[in-house]
Amino acid sequence: MAAQTAWTTSTTTGAIGNDLSKNNRSGFSALPGGYRFSDGRFNDIGRSGYWWTATEDNASSGAYSRYLCFDYDYLNRNNYSKSCGFSVRLLKN
């Protein structure tokens, strides 16, 4: 899922940042845009990519996201405050 460029390198076998030439078999081209805290500060640019999902954790304040990290070999899921800034990937039905 991860793009073949822009990711921090890693020595962890199978991690996104380990061998960028093996990334993007799915065609998603995920870029490591990091995220924005609710106070406007940015974090993890080049190291991780976060994307909102349509699933709310709490209708007023929380929602789930998926994220990739340069040092992991799997896709993560967590819930965050909706005041955080993550990337959005539009899908066509």
C-alpha atoms as a PDB file:
ATOM      1  CA  MET A   1       0.000   0.000   0.000  1.00  0.00           C
ATOM      2  CA  ALA A   2       2.859   2.401   0.681  1.00  0.00           C
ATOM      3  CA  ALA A   3       4.436   4.477  -2.060  1.00  0.00           C
ATOM      4  CA  GLN A   4       7.947   3.672  -3.202  1.00  0.00           C
ATOM      5  CA  THR A   5       9.261   7.120  -2.213  1.00  0.00           C
ATOM      6  CA  ALA A   6       9.284   9.535   0.730  1.00  0.00           C
ATOM      7  CA  TRP A   7       9.300   6.958   3.563  1.00  0.00           C
ATOM      8  CA  THR A   8      11.977   6.969   6.279  1.00  0.00           C
ATOM      9  CA  THR A   9      14.236   3.926   5.967  1.00  0.00           C
ATOM     10  CA  SER A  10      14.091   1.061   8.448  1.00  0.00           C
ATOM     11  CA  THR A  11      16.176  -2.012   9.219  1.00  0.00           C
ATOM     12  CA  THR A  12      13.106  -4.019  10.328  1.00  0.00           C
ATOM     13  CA  THR A  13      12.546  -6.909   7.907  1.00  0.00           C
ATOM     14  CA  GLY A  14       9.217  -6.544   6.099  1.00  0.00           C
ATOM     15  CA  ALA A  15       8.641  -2.962   7.287  1.00  0.00           C
ATOM     16  CA  ILE A  16       7.479  -0.298   4.834  1.00  0.00           C
ATOM     17  CA  GLY A  17      10.786   1.542   5.103  1.00  0.00           C
ATOM     18  CA  ASN A  18      12.963  -1.563   4.757  1.00  0.00           C
ATOM     19  CA  ASP A  19      12.914  -1.958   0.964  1.00  0.00           C
ATOM     20  CA  LEU A  20      10.908   0.774  -0.775  1.00  0.00           C
ATOM     21  CA  SER A  21      11.081  -1.082  -4.103  1.00  0.00           C
ATOM     22  CA  LYS A  22       8.701  -3.710  -2.675  1.00  0.00           C
ATOM     23  CA  ASN A  23       6.029  -1.134  -1.769  1.00  0.00           C
ATOM     24  CA  ASN A  24       2.860  -0.268  -3.711  1.00  0.00           C
ATOM     25  CA  ARG A  25       1.815  -3.669  -5.015  1.00  0.00           C
ATOM     26  CA  SER A  26      -1.815  -2.671  -4.366  1.00  0.00           C
ATOM     27  CA  GLY A  27      -1.608   0.623  -6.285  1.00  0.00           C
ATOM     28  CA  PHE A  28      -2.697   2.703  -3.278  1.00  0.00           C
ATOM     29  CA  SER A  29       0.561   4.762  -3.177  1.00  0.00           C
ATOM     30  CA  ALA A  30       0.226   5.797   0.469  1.00  0.00           C
ATOM     31  CA  LEU A  31       2.502   8.737   1.282  1.00  0.00           C
ATOM     32  CA  PRO A  32       3.845   9.469   4.782  1.00  0.00           C
ATOM     33  CA  GLY A  33       1.987  12.738   5.413  1.00  0.00           C
ATOM     34  CA  GLY A  34       2.025  12.302   9.194  1.00  0.00           C
ATOM     35  CA  TYR A  35      -0.792  13.998  11.097  1.00  0.00           C
ATOM     36  CA  ARG A  36      -1.872  17.288  12.638  1.00  0.00           C
ATOM     37  CA  PHE A  37      -2.530  17.629  16.361  1.00  0.00           C
ATOM     38  CA  SER A  38      -5.691  19.476  17.422  1.00  0.00           C
ATOM     39  CA  ASP A  39      -3.493  22.476  18.364  1.00  0.00           C
ATOM     40  CA  GLY A  40      -2.188  22.768  14.777  1.00  0.00           C
ATOM     41  CA  ARG A  41       1.261  21.169  15.211  1.00  0.00           C
ATOM     42  CA  PHE A  42       2.341  18.492  12.726  1.00  0.00           C
ATOM     43  CA  ASN A  43       4.083  15.219  13.557  1.00  0.00           C
ATOM     44  CA  ASP A  44       5.618  12.151  11.858  1.00  0.00           C
ATOM     45  CA  ILE A  45       5.871  13.544   8.316  1.00  0.00           C
ATOM     46  CA  GLY A  46       8.019  11.052   6.391  1.00  0.00           C
ATOM     47  CA  ARG A  47       7.513   8.386   9.059  1.00  0.00           C
ATOM     48  CA  SER A  48       3.788   7.581   8.996  1.00  0.00           C
ATOM     49  CA  GLY A  49       0.561   8.083   7.099  1.00  0.00           C
ATOM     50  CA  TYR A  50      -2.873   8.393   8.746  1.00  0.00           C
ATOM     51  CA  TRP A  51      -6.241   8.171   6.970  1.00  0.00           C
ATOM     52  CA  TRP A  52      -9.710   8.705   8.381  1.00  0.00           C
ATOM     53  CA  THR A  53     -12.277   5.934   8.013  1.00  0.00           C
ATOM     54  CA  ALA A  54     -16.041   6.427   7.868  1.00  0.00           C
ATOM     55  CA  THR A  55     -16.446   4.641  11.221  1.00  0.00           C
ATOM     56  CA  GLU A  56     -17.171   6.862  14.220  1.00  0.00           C
ATOM     57  CA  ASP A  57     -16.100   5.865  17.708  1.00  0.00           C
ATOM     58  CA  ASN A  58     -18.122   8.608  19.323  1.00  0.00           C
ATOM     59  CA  ALA A  59     -20.572  10.558  17.164  1.00  0.00           C
ATOM     60  CA  SER A  60     -19.514  13.887  18.603  1.00  0.00           C
ATOM     61  CA  SER A  61     -15.784  13.574  19.139  1.00  0.00           C
ATOM     62  CA  GLY A  62     -14.104  10.380  17.926  1.00  0.00           C
ATOM     63  CA  ALA A  63     -13.543   8.396  14.751  1.00  0.00           C
ATOM     64  CA  TYR A  64     -11.350   5.534  13.603  1.00  0.00           C
ATOM     65  CA  SER A  65      -8.351   5.820  11.360  1.00  0.00           C
ATOM     66  CA  ARG A  66      -5.938   3.498   9.634  1.00  0.00           C
ATOM     67  CA  TYR A  67      -2.244   4.211   9.668  1.00  0.00           C
ATOM     68  CA  LEU A  68       1.019   2.964   8.254  1.00  0.00           C
ATOM     69  CA  CYS A  69       4.393   3.468   9.921  1.00  0.00           C
ATOM     70  CA  PHE A  70       7.823   3.190   8.281  1.00  0.00           C
ATOM     71  CA  ASP A  71       8.982   0.684  10.917  1.00  0.00           C
ATOM     72  CA  TYR A  72       5.900  -1.631  10.850  1.00  0.00           C
ATOM     73  CA  ASP A  73       4.974  -4.415   8.450  1.00  0.00           C
ATOM     74  CA  TYR A  74       1.211  -4.106   8.989  1.00  0.00           C
ATOM     75  CA  LEU A  75      -1.707  -1.665   8.733  1.00  0.00           C
ATOM     76  CA  ASN A  76      -2.865  -0.267  12.084  1.00  0.00           C
ATOM     77  CA  ARG A  77      -6.295   0.864  13.333  1.00  0.00           C
ATOM     78  CA  ASN A  78      -6.998   3.265  16.196  1.00  0.00           C
ATOM     79  CA  ASN A  79      -9.535   5.852  17.295  1.00  0.00           C
ATOM     80  CA  TYR A  80      -8.699   9.549  17.599  1.00  0.00           C
ATOM     81  CA  SER A  81     -10.385  12.852  18.299  1.00  0.00           C
ATOM     82  CA  LYS A  82     -12.031  14.353  15.230  1.00  0.00           C
ATOM     83  CA  SER A  83     -10.078  17.530  15.959  1.00  0.00           C
ATOM     84  CA  CYS A  84      -6.888  15.838  14.678  1.00  0.00           C
ATOM     85  CA  GLY A  85      -5.908  16.193  11.022  1.00  0.00           C
ATOM     86  CA  PHE A  86      -5.440  13.059   8.925  1.00  0.00           C
ATOM     87  CA  SER A  87      -5.381  12.403   5.214  1.00  0.00           C
ATOM     88  CA  VAL A  88      -8.517  11.356   3.353  1.00  0.00           C
ATOM     89  CA  ARG A  89      -8.648   8.761   0.599  1.00  0.00           C
ATOM     90  CA  LEU A  90     -11.734   8.880  -1.588  1.00  0.00           C
ATOM     91  CA  LEU A  91     -13.069   5.596  -2.929  1.00  0.00           C
ATOM     92  CA  LYS A  92     -15.450   5.175  -5.830  1.00  0.00           C
ATOM     93  CA  ASN A  93     -18.278   2.629  -5.515  1.00  0.00           C
END
